[in-house]
Amino acid sequence: MPDEPQGKGHPTPKRKDAEAARKQSLKIPADPKAAKRAMRERDRIARAEQREAMMRGEESALPARDRGPVRRFVRDWVDSRRLVSEYFLPLVLVILVLTLVPQPQIRFFASISWYAIMVLMILTLVFIAMRLKSALVAKWPEKADRKGAVFYGVMRALQIRRLRVPLPRVKAGGEPVAAKGK
C-alpha cells in the first residue's frame, strides 16, 4: 500500500539533543528571586490550564469526587432539570435582608418566609433524591457503583446553575449546551 504514510514524519532526535532540550526546559535562573518568580509563573500557568480543563469537564482534570460515568450521569440528570432548589441561596439572601428591616410586618413576613422556604427545600430535595435514586438503580443495579451519588446529586441541585463546577453539559430541558468559542 504505497498511499499510506510511513513513520512519524520526522527523524528521532539524537540523545544529546533530546537531553539538551529537556535540560533547557528545566533550566532555572541563578538569581533566587528570579527563580521564585519563574516558578510562580509556571505554577500559575499550570493551575490556569488545569482549571480550564476542569471547567470543560475533562475527566482527567476533574477531582476524584467528580470522576466516573455515575457522577457524569448524576450531573447531567440534575442539570437537565429546572429545580426550585437552585434559587435557595438567592432567596435566603433576600429573606436575610428582609429580617433586617425595622418594620415589624416585614420582619414577620420574613420569619414566616424563612420557615416556608426551609420546608419547601426539604420536600424538594427529598423528591430529587427519590427520583435520582430510582434512575440510578435502573441504570446501575450494583449498589457499590452508585455509592454517594444521590448525595452528590442533591448537593449539585442546591448550587446556583451558573456556579456549578464542572459546568453543565446540558440545558434545563435536556438539550446539550453549545460549546463556548473563544
N, C-alpha and C. Protein backbone atom coordinates (compact mmCIF):
# COMPACT_ATOMS: atom_id res chain seq x y z
N MET A 1 0.83 -1.18 0.00
CA MET A 1 0.00 0.00 0.00
C MET A 1 0.88 1.24 0.00
N PRO A 2 1.17 1.77 -1.15
CA PRO A 2 2.09 2.91 -1.23
C PRO A 2 1.47 4.24 -0.79
N ASP A 3 0.13 4.35 -0.69
CA ASP A 3 -0.51 5.62 -0.34
C ASP A 3 -0.42 5.94 1.15
N GLU A 4 -0.27 4.92 2.01
CA GLU A 4 -0.26 5.15 3.45
C GLU A 4 1.06 5.77 3.89
N PRO A 5 1.01 6.83 4.75
CA PRO A 5 2.26 7.44 5.21
C PRO A 5 3.01 6.49 6.14
N GLN A 6 4.30 6.50 6.04
CA GLN A 6 5.14 5.64 6.86
C GLN A 6 5.84 6.49 7.92
N GLY A 7 6.00 5.93 9.09
CA GLY A 7 6.73 6.61 10.14
C GLY A 7 5.98 7.76 10.76
N LYS A 8 6.69 8.58 11.50
CA LYS A 8 6.06 9.68 12.24
C LYS A 8 6.26 11.03 11.56
N GLY A 9 6.97 11.07 10.46
CA GLY A 9 7.10 12.31 9.72
C GLY A 9 8.34 13.12 10.04
N HIS A 10 9.11 12.72 11.05
CA HIS A 10 10.35 13.42 11.37
C HIS A 10 11.31 12.42 12.02
N PRO A 11 12.62 12.66 11.88
CA PRO A 11 13.58 11.72 12.46
C PRO A 11 13.61 11.83 13.98
N THR A 12 13.97 10.72 14.61
CA THR A 12 14.13 10.71 16.07
C THR A 12 15.32 11.59 16.42
N PRO A 13 15.16 12.49 17.40
CA PRO A 13 16.29 13.35 17.75
C PRO A 13 17.42 12.54 18.39
N LYS A 14 18.63 13.03 18.21
CA LYS A 14 19.78 12.39 18.85
C LYS A 14 19.63 12.52 20.36
N ARG A 15 20.18 11.56 21.07
CA ARG A 15 20.07 11.56 22.53
C ARG A 15 20.61 12.85 23.11
N LYS A 16 21.74 13.32 22.60
CA LYS A 16 22.38 14.54 23.10
C LYS A 16 21.43 15.73 22.94
N ASP A 17 20.73 15.81 21.78
CA ASP A 17 19.80 16.93 21.53
C ASP A 17 18.57 16.83 22.43
N ALA A 18 18.07 15.62 22.63
CA ALA A 18 16.89 15.44 23.48
C ALA A 18 17.21 15.81 24.92
N GLU A 19 18.37 15.39 25.41
CA GLU A 19 18.76 15.74 26.79
C GLU A 19 18.97 17.24 26.94
N ALA A 20 19.56 17.87 25.93
CA ALA A 20 19.78 19.32 25.99
C ALA A 20 18.45 20.06 26.02
N ALA A 21 17.48 19.61 25.22
CA ALA A 21 16.17 20.26 25.21
C ALA A 21 15.47 20.10 26.56
N ARG A 22 15.60 18.90 27.14
CA ARG A 22 14.97 18.66 28.45
C ARG A 22 15.62 19.53 29.53
N LYS A 23 16.92 19.62 29.51
CA LYS A 23 17.61 20.45 30.50
C LYS A 23 17.28 21.93 30.33
N GLN A 24 17.10 22.35 29.08
CA GLN A 24 16.76 23.75 28.82
C GLN A 24 15.38 24.08 29.39
N SER A 25 14.43 23.12 29.28
CA SER A 25 13.09 23.39 29.80
C SER A 25 13.10 23.43 31.33
N LEU A 26 14.06 22.72 31.95
CA LEU A 26 14.14 22.71 33.41
C LEU A 26 15.06 23.79 33.95
N LYS A 27 15.73 24.49 33.06
CA LYS A 27 16.72 25.48 33.48
C LYS A 27 16.06 26.58 34.30
N ILE A 28 16.64 26.87 35.44
CA ILE A 28 16.13 27.93 36.30
C ILE A 28 17.19 29.02 36.41
N PRO A 29 16.76 30.24 36.60
CA PRO A 29 17.74 31.33 36.74
C PRO A 29 18.60 31.15 37.99
N ALA A 30 19.81 31.68 37.95
CA ALA A 30 20.73 31.58 39.08
C ALA A 30 20.30 32.47 40.23
N ASP A 31 19.65 33.59 39.92
CA ASP A 31 19.18 34.52 40.94
C ASP A 31 17.97 33.90 41.66
N PRO A 32 18.02 33.77 43.00
CA PRO A 32 16.92 33.13 43.73
C PRO A 32 15.57 33.84 43.54
N LYS A 33 15.58 35.16 43.50
CA LYS A 33 14.31 35.88 43.31
C LYS A 33 13.73 35.60 41.94
N ALA A 34 14.59 35.60 40.92
CA ALA A 34 14.12 35.32 39.56
C ALA A 34 13.63 33.88 39.46
N ALA A 35 14.32 32.97 40.16
CA ALA A 35 13.90 31.56 40.14
C ALA A 35 12.51 31.41 40.76
N LYS A 36 12.26 32.08 41.88
CA LYS A 36 10.94 32.02 42.52
C LYS A 36 9.87 32.62 41.63
N ARG A 37 10.22 33.73 40.98
CA ARG A 37 9.28 34.37 40.06
C ARG A 37 8.92 33.43 38.91
N ALA A 38 9.93 32.79 38.34
CA ALA A 38 9.71 31.86 37.23
C ALA A 38 8.88 30.67 37.68
N MET A 39 9.15 30.17 38.89
CA MET A 39 8.39 29.04 39.41
C MET A 39 6.93 29.42 39.65
N ARG A 40 6.71 30.61 40.22
CA ARG A 40 5.34 31.07 40.44
C ARG A 40 4.59 31.20 39.12
N GLU A 41 5.27 31.73 38.12
CA GLU A 41 4.64 31.90 36.81
C GLU A 41 4.29 30.55 36.19
N ARG A 42 5.22 29.59 36.28
CA ARG A 42 4.95 28.23 35.77
C ARG A 42 3.76 27.61 36.49
N ASP A 43 3.73 27.76 37.82
CA ASP A 43 2.63 27.20 38.61
C ASP A 43 1.31 27.87 38.27
N ARG A 44 1.34 29.19 38.07
CA ARG A 44 0.12 29.91 37.72
C ARG A 44 -0.44 29.43 36.39
N ILE A 45 0.45 29.26 35.42
CA ILE A 45 0.01 28.78 34.09
C ILE A 45 -0.55 27.37 34.20
N ALA A 46 0.11 26.51 34.97
CA ALA A 46 -0.35 25.13 35.13
C ALA A 46 -1.72 25.10 35.82
N ARG A 47 -1.91 25.94 36.85
CA ARG A 47 -3.21 25.99 37.53
C ARG A 47 -4.31 26.49 36.61
N ALA A 48 -3.99 27.49 35.79
CA ALA A 48 -4.98 28.03 34.85
C ALA A 48 -5.38 26.97 33.82
N GLU A 49 -4.40 26.22 33.31
CA GLU A 49 -4.72 25.16 32.35
C GLU A 49 -5.56 24.07 33.01
N GLN A 50 -5.22 23.70 34.24
CA GLN A 50 -5.96 22.68 34.98
C GLN A 50 -7.40 23.14 35.21
N ARG A 51 -7.58 24.39 35.59
CA ARG A 51 -8.93 24.93 35.85
C ARG A 51 -9.75 24.95 34.56
N GLU A 52 -9.14 25.38 33.46
CA GLU A 52 -9.86 25.40 32.18
C GLU A 52 -10.33 24.01 31.81
N ALA A 53 -9.44 23.02 31.95
CA ALA A 53 -9.81 21.64 31.63
C ALA A 53 -10.92 21.15 32.54
N MET A 54 -10.87 21.53 33.82
CA MET A 54 -11.92 21.12 34.76
C MET A 54 -13.25 21.77 34.40
N MET A 55 -13.22 23.03 34.01
CA MET A 55 -14.46 23.72 33.66
C MET A 55 -15.07 23.13 32.39
N ARG A 56 -14.22 22.63 31.49
CA ARG A 56 -14.72 21.98 30.28
C ARG A 56 -15.30 20.61 30.60
N GLY A 57 -14.95 20.06 31.76
CA GLY A 57 -15.47 18.75 32.16
C GLY A 57 -14.60 17.60 31.72
N GLU A 58 -13.34 17.86 31.38
CA GLU A 58 -12.44 16.77 31.00
C GLU A 58 -12.24 15.85 32.20
N GLU A 59 -12.46 14.57 31.96
CA GLU A 59 -12.43 13.58 33.04
C GLU A 59 -11.09 13.58 33.78
N SER A 60 -9.98 13.73 33.07
CA SER A 60 -8.67 13.65 33.71
C SER A 60 -8.40 14.86 34.62
N ALA A 61 -9.07 15.98 34.36
CA ALA A 61 -8.83 17.19 35.15
C ALA A 61 -9.77 17.31 36.34
N LEU A 62 -10.78 16.47 36.41
CA LEU A 62 -11.76 16.57 37.49
C LEU A 62 -11.20 16.01 38.79
N PRO A 63 -11.66 16.54 39.93
CA PRO A 63 -11.28 15.93 41.20
C PRO A 63 -11.88 14.53 41.30
N ALA A 64 -11.35 13.70 42.17
CA ALA A 64 -11.80 12.30 42.29
C ALA A 64 -13.30 12.21 42.57
N ARG A 65 -13.86 13.15 43.32
CA ARG A 65 -15.29 13.07 43.66
C ARG A 65 -16.20 13.27 42.45
N ASP A 66 -15.68 13.88 41.37
CA ASP A 66 -16.49 14.16 40.19
C ASP A 66 -16.25 13.20 39.03
N ARG A 67 -15.37 12.24 39.19
CA ARG A 67 -14.99 11.36 38.09
C ARG A 67 -15.92 10.16 37.98
N GLY A 68 -16.00 9.64 36.77
CA GLY A 68 -16.70 8.39 36.53
C GLY A 68 -18.03 8.57 35.83
N PRO A 69 -18.52 7.49 35.25
CA PRO A 69 -19.78 7.56 34.49
C PRO A 69 -21.00 7.82 35.38
N VAL A 70 -20.97 7.32 36.61
CA VAL A 70 -22.11 7.53 37.50
C VAL A 70 -22.24 9.01 37.85
N ARG A 71 -21.12 9.65 38.20
CA ARG A 71 -21.15 11.07 38.55
C ARG A 71 -21.52 11.92 37.33
N ARG A 72 -21.04 11.53 36.15
CA ARG A 72 -21.41 12.27 34.93
C ARG A 72 -22.91 12.16 34.68
N PHE A 73 -23.47 10.95 34.89
CA PHE A 73 -24.90 10.76 34.74
C PHE A 73 -25.68 11.62 35.74
N VAL A 74 -25.21 11.66 36.99
CA VAL A 74 -25.88 12.47 38.02
C VAL A 74 -25.83 13.94 37.66
N ARG A 75 -24.66 14.43 37.21
CA ARG A 75 -24.55 15.84 36.81
C ARG A 75 -25.52 16.16 35.68
N ASP A 76 -25.55 15.30 34.68
CA ASP A 76 -26.43 15.54 33.54
C ASP A 76 -27.90 15.45 33.95
N TRP A 77 -28.22 14.51 34.85
CA TRP A 77 -29.59 14.35 35.31
C TRP A 77 -30.05 15.61 36.05
N VAL A 78 -29.22 16.10 36.95
CA VAL A 78 -29.57 17.30 37.73
C VAL A 78 -29.61 18.53 36.83
N ASP A 79 -28.62 18.66 35.94
CA ASP A 79 -28.53 19.85 35.09
C ASP A 79 -29.64 19.91 34.04
N SER A 80 -30.24 18.78 33.72
CA SER A 80 -31.29 18.77 32.70
C SER A 80 -32.64 19.21 33.24
N ARG A 81 -32.71 19.53 34.52
CA ARG A 81 -33.98 19.93 35.14
C ARG A 81 -33.87 21.34 35.72
N ARG A 82 -34.95 22.07 35.63
CA ARG A 82 -35.04 23.38 36.29
C ARG A 82 -35.62 23.10 37.67
N LEU A 83 -34.84 23.33 38.72
CA LEU A 83 -35.22 22.97 40.07
C LEU A 83 -35.40 24.20 40.95
N VAL A 84 -36.34 24.12 41.88
CA VAL A 84 -36.58 25.21 42.83
C VAL A 84 -35.35 25.39 43.72
N SER A 85 -34.66 24.29 44.00
CA SER A 85 -33.51 24.35 44.91
C SER A 85 -32.37 25.22 44.37
N GLU A 86 -32.32 25.47 43.06
CA GLU A 86 -31.30 26.35 42.50
C GLU A 86 -31.42 27.77 43.06
N TYR A 87 -32.61 28.14 43.41
CA TYR A 87 -32.88 29.51 43.86
C TYR A 87 -32.84 29.65 45.37
N PHE A 88 -32.44 28.57 46.07
CA PHE A 88 -32.42 28.59 47.53
C PHE A 88 -31.51 29.68 48.08
N LEU A 89 -30.27 29.73 47.62
CA LEU A 89 -29.32 30.72 48.16
C LEU A 89 -29.75 32.16 47.89
N PRO A 90 -30.17 32.51 46.68
CA PRO A 90 -30.64 33.89 46.48
C PRO A 90 -31.87 34.22 47.34
N LEU A 91 -32.79 33.27 47.48
CA LEU A 91 -33.98 33.52 48.31
C LEU A 91 -33.60 33.72 49.78
N VAL A 92 -32.67 32.92 50.26
CA VAL A 92 -32.22 33.06 51.65
C VAL A 92 -31.58 34.42 51.86
N LEU A 93 -30.83 34.88 50.89
CA LEU A 93 -30.21 36.20 50.97
C LEU A 93 -31.28 37.30 51.07
N VAL A 94 -32.31 37.21 50.23
CA VAL A 94 -33.41 38.20 50.26
C VAL A 94 -34.12 38.16 51.61
N ILE A 95 -34.38 36.95 52.10
CA ILE A 95 -35.07 36.82 53.40
C ILE A 95 -34.19 37.39 54.52
N LEU A 96 -32.91 37.16 54.44
CA LEU A 96 -31.99 37.70 55.45
C LEU A 96 -32.03 39.22 55.45
N VAL A 97 -32.03 39.83 54.28
CA VAL A 97 -32.10 41.29 54.20
C VAL A 97 -33.43 41.79 54.75
N LEU A 98 -34.51 41.06 54.45
CA LEU A 98 -35.83 41.47 54.95
C LEU A 98 -35.93 41.38 56.48
N THR A 99 -35.17 40.47 57.10
CA THR A 99 -35.21 40.40 58.56
C THR A 99 -34.52 41.59 59.22
N LEU A 100 -33.72 42.33 58.45
CA LEU A 100 -33.02 43.49 59.00
C LEU A 100 -33.84 44.78 58.89
N VAL A 101 -34.97 44.72 58.16
CA VAL A 101 -35.82 45.90 58.01
C VAL A 101 -36.51 46.16 59.35
N PRO A 102 -36.57 47.43 59.79
CA PRO A 102 -37.12 47.71 61.12
C PRO A 102 -38.65 47.55 61.24
N GLN A 103 -39.38 47.46 60.14
CA GLN A 103 -40.85 47.34 60.24
C GLN A 103 -41.25 45.94 60.69
N PRO A 104 -42.09 45.84 61.73
CA PRO A 104 -42.46 44.54 62.29
C PRO A 104 -43.22 43.64 61.29
N GLN A 105 -44.05 44.24 60.41
CA GLN A 105 -44.81 43.43 59.46
C GLN A 105 -43.87 42.72 58.48
N ILE A 106 -42.87 43.45 58.00
CA ILE A 106 -41.93 42.87 57.04
C ILE A 106 -41.07 41.81 57.73
N ARG A 107 -40.67 42.07 58.95
CA ARG A 107 -39.88 41.08 59.69
C ARG A 107 -40.69 39.82 59.97
N PHE A 108 -41.98 39.98 60.28
CA PHE A 108 -42.84 38.82 60.49
C PHE A 108 -42.97 38.02 59.19
N PHE A 109 -43.19 38.73 58.07
CA PHE A 109 -43.27 38.07 56.77
C PHE A 109 -41.97 37.32 56.46
N ALA A 110 -40.84 37.93 56.78
CA ALA A 110 -39.54 37.30 56.52
C ALA A 110 -39.36 36.05 57.38
N SER A 111 -39.81 36.10 58.63
CA SER A 111 -39.70 34.93 59.50
C SER A 111 -40.55 33.78 58.99
N ILE A 112 -41.77 34.08 58.59
CA ILE A 112 -42.66 33.05 58.04
C ILE A 112 -42.07 32.52 56.73
N SER A 113 -41.52 33.42 55.91
CA SER A 113 -40.92 33.00 54.64
C SER A 113 -39.74 32.07 54.89
N TRP A 114 -38.98 32.35 55.94
CA TRP A 114 -37.83 31.51 56.26
C TRP A 114 -38.28 30.07 56.51
N TYR A 115 -39.31 29.90 57.32
CA TYR A 115 -39.81 28.55 57.61
C TYR A 115 -40.40 27.90 56.35
N ALA A 116 -41.11 28.68 55.56
CA ALA A 116 -41.72 28.15 54.34
C ALA A 116 -40.64 27.68 53.36
N ILE A 117 -39.60 28.47 53.19
CA ILE A 117 -38.55 28.09 52.25
C ILE A 117 -37.80 26.85 52.74
N MET A 118 -37.60 26.73 54.04
CA MET A 118 -36.93 25.54 54.57
C MET A 118 -37.76 24.28 54.32
N VAL A 119 -39.07 24.35 54.57
CA VAL A 119 -39.94 23.19 54.32
C VAL A 119 -39.96 22.86 52.83
N LEU A 120 -40.06 23.89 51.99
CA LEU A 120 -40.06 23.69 50.54
C LEU A 120 -38.76 23.03 50.08
N MET A 121 -37.63 23.47 50.60
CA MET A 121 -36.34 22.90 50.21
C MET A 121 -36.21 21.45 50.65
N ILE A 122 -36.63 21.16 51.86
CA ILE A 122 -36.56 19.77 52.35
C ILE A 122 -37.41 18.86 51.47
N LEU A 123 -38.63 19.28 51.17
CA LEU A 123 -39.50 18.47 50.32
C LEU A 123 -38.91 18.32 48.91
N THR A 124 -38.39 19.40 48.37
CA THR A 124 -37.80 19.34 47.02
C THR A 124 -36.60 18.41 46.99
N LEU A 125 -35.73 18.51 47.98
CA LEU A 125 -34.53 17.68 47.99
C LEU A 125 -34.86 16.20 48.22
N VAL A 126 -35.87 15.92 49.02
CA VAL A 126 -36.31 14.53 49.21
C VAL A 126 -36.87 13.99 47.89
N PHE A 127 -37.66 14.80 47.22
CA PHE A 127 -38.23 14.41 45.92
C PHE A 127 -37.12 14.15 44.90
N ILE A 128 -36.12 15.05 44.84
CA ILE A 128 -34.99 14.89 43.93
C ILE A 128 -34.23 13.60 44.27
N ALA A 129 -33.98 13.38 45.54
CA ALA A 129 -33.23 12.19 45.96
C ALA A 129 -33.96 10.91 45.57
N MET A 130 -35.27 10.87 45.76
CA MET A 130 -36.03 9.66 45.42
C MET A 130 -36.00 9.40 43.92
N ARG A 131 -36.23 10.43 43.12
CA ARG A 131 -36.23 10.26 41.66
C ARG A 131 -34.85 9.91 41.13
N LEU A 132 -33.83 10.56 41.67
CA LEU A 132 -32.47 10.28 41.23
C LEU A 132 -32.06 8.87 41.61
N LYS A 133 -32.43 8.44 42.80
CA LYS A 133 -32.07 7.08 43.22
C LYS A 133 -32.72 6.04 42.32
N SER A 134 -33.98 6.25 41.96
CA SER A 134 -34.63 5.27 41.09
C SER A 134 -33.99 5.27 39.70
N ALA A 135 -33.57 6.43 39.20
CA ALA A 135 -32.89 6.49 37.90
C ALA A 135 -31.53 5.79 37.98
N LEU A 136 -30.83 5.97 39.09
CA LEU A 136 -29.53 5.32 39.25
C LEU A 136 -29.66 3.81 39.39
N VAL A 137 -30.66 3.35 40.15
CA VAL A 137 -30.86 1.91 40.33
C VAL A 137 -31.20 1.26 38.99
N ALA A 138 -31.98 1.96 38.16
CA ALA A 138 -32.34 1.41 36.85
C ALA A 138 -31.11 1.27 35.96
N LYS A 139 -30.18 2.21 36.06
CA LYS A 139 -29.01 2.19 35.18
C LYS A 139 -27.84 1.40 35.76
N TRP A 140 -27.64 1.50 37.09
CA TRP A 140 -26.56 0.79 37.77
C TRP A 140 -27.15 -0.01 38.93
N PRO A 141 -27.53 -1.25 38.71
CA PRO A 141 -28.17 -2.03 39.79
C PRO A 141 -27.23 -2.36 40.95
N GLU A 142 -25.93 -2.42 40.70
CA GLU A 142 -24.97 -2.74 41.76
C GLU A 142 -24.83 -1.54 42.70
N LYS A 143 -25.07 -1.79 44.00
CA LYS A 143 -25.06 -0.70 44.98
C LYS A 143 -23.70 -0.02 45.11
N ALA A 144 -22.62 -0.76 44.98
CA ALA A 144 -21.28 -0.20 45.13
C ALA A 144 -20.98 0.81 44.02
N ASP A 145 -21.57 0.64 42.83
CA ASP A 145 -21.32 1.55 41.72
C ASP A 145 -21.88 2.95 41.98
N ARG A 146 -22.97 3.03 42.70
CA ARG A 146 -23.65 4.32 42.88
C ARG A 146 -23.48 4.90 44.29
N LYS A 147 -22.48 4.42 45.01
CA LYS A 147 -22.25 4.88 46.38
C LYS A 147 -22.00 6.39 46.42
N GLY A 148 -22.78 7.12 47.20
CA GLY A 148 -22.63 8.56 47.37
C GLY A 148 -23.18 9.40 46.24
N ALA A 149 -23.72 8.78 45.22
CA ALA A 149 -24.16 9.53 44.04
C ALA A 149 -25.42 10.36 44.32
N VAL A 150 -26.32 9.86 45.15
CA VAL A 150 -27.55 10.61 45.44
C VAL A 150 -27.19 11.89 46.22
N PHE A 151 -26.34 11.77 47.21
CA PHE A 151 -25.92 12.95 47.97
C PHE A 151 -25.21 13.94 47.05
N TYR A 152 -24.37 13.43 46.15
CA TYR A 152 -23.68 14.27 45.17
C TYR A 152 -24.70 15.03 44.33
N GLY A 153 -25.73 14.36 43.88
CA GLY A 153 -26.77 14.99 43.07
C GLY A 153 -27.56 16.03 43.85
N VAL A 154 -27.89 15.73 45.09
CA VAL A 154 -28.64 16.68 45.92
C VAL A 154 -27.81 17.94 46.16
N MET A 155 -26.52 17.78 46.44
CA MET A 155 -25.67 18.94 46.67
C MET A 155 -25.50 19.77 45.40
N ARG A 156 -25.44 19.11 44.25
CA ARG A 156 -25.35 19.84 42.98
C ARG A 156 -26.65 20.57 42.70
N ALA A 157 -27.78 19.98 43.08
CA ALA A 157 -29.07 20.62 42.86
C ALA A 157 -29.21 21.89 43.69
N LEU A 158 -28.53 21.96 44.83
CA LEU A 158 -28.60 23.15 45.68
C LEU A 158 -27.78 24.31 45.13
N GLN A 159 -26.83 24.03 44.24
CA GLN A 159 -25.95 25.09 43.75
C GLN A 159 -26.65 25.92 42.67
N ILE A 160 -26.29 27.19 42.62
CA ILE A 160 -26.79 28.06 41.57
C ILE A 160 -26.23 27.53 40.26
N ARG A 161 -27.05 27.41 39.25
CA ARG A 161 -26.67 26.77 37.99
C ARG A 161 -25.39 27.34 37.39
N ARG A 162 -25.25 28.64 37.39
CA ARG A 162 -24.07 29.28 36.78
C ARG A 162 -22.79 29.03 37.56
N LEU A 163 -22.91 28.64 38.83
CA LEU A 163 -21.73 28.45 39.67
C LEU A 163 -21.34 26.99 39.81
N ARG A 164 -22.02 26.09 39.12
CA ARG A 164 -21.70 24.66 39.23
C ARG A 164 -20.38 24.36 38.53
N VAL A 165 -19.59 23.50 39.18
CA VAL A 165 -18.32 23.07 38.60
C VAL A 165 -18.31 21.55 38.64
N PRO A 166 -18.05 20.87 37.55
CA PRO A 166 -17.85 21.38 36.21
C PRO A 166 -19.13 21.97 35.64
N LEU A 167 -18.98 22.82 34.64
CA LEU A 167 -20.13 23.50 34.05
C LEU A 167 -21.12 22.49 33.48
N PRO A 168 -22.41 22.81 33.51
CA PRO A 168 -23.41 21.89 32.96
C PRO A 168 -23.18 21.62 31.48
N ARG A 169 -23.33 20.33 31.10
CA ARG A 169 -23.21 19.95 29.69
C ARG A 169 -24.56 19.95 28.99
N VAL A 170 -25.64 20.00 29.78
CA VAL A 170 -26.98 20.01 29.21
C VAL A 170 -27.76 21.20 29.75
N LYS A 171 -28.64 21.72 28.92
CA LYS A 171 -29.51 22.82 29.35
C LYS A 171 -30.68 22.23 30.14
N ALA A 172 -31.38 23.09 30.85
CA ALA A 172 -32.60 22.66 31.51
C ALA A 172 -33.57 22.29 30.39
N GLY A 173 -34.04 21.07 30.40
CA GLY A 173 -34.87 20.57 29.33
C GLY A 173 -34.19 19.44 28.59
N GLY A 174 -32.88 19.29 28.78
CA GLY A 174 -32.19 18.13 28.26
C GLY A 174 -31.35 18.33 27.02
N GLU A 175 -31.41 19.50 26.35
CA GLU A 175 -30.60 19.68 25.15
C GLU A 175 -29.14 19.94 25.56
N PRO A 176 -28.20 19.45 24.75
CA PRO A 176 -26.78 19.72 25.06
C PRO A 176 -26.46 21.21 24.97
N VAL A 177 -25.56 21.66 25.80
CA VAL A 177 -25.12 23.05 25.79
C VAL A 177 -24.15 23.23 24.63
N ALA A 178 -24.29 24.32 23.90
CA ALA A 178 -23.36 24.61 22.82
C ALA A 178 -22.02 25.02 23.43
N ALA A 179 -20.94 24.52 22.86
CA ALA A 179 -19.61 24.85 23.38
C ALA A 179 -19.32 26.32 23.14
N LYS A 180 -18.70 26.95 24.13
CA LYS A 180 -18.36 28.37 24.01
C LYS A 180 -17.07 28.50 23.23
N GLY A 181 -17.10 29.30 22.18
CA GLY A 181 -15.89 29.55 21.39
C GLY A 181 -15.15 30.74 21.93
N LYS A 182 -13.85 30.75 21.69
CA LYS A 182 -13.05 31.88 22.20
C LYS A 182 -12.75 32.83 21.12
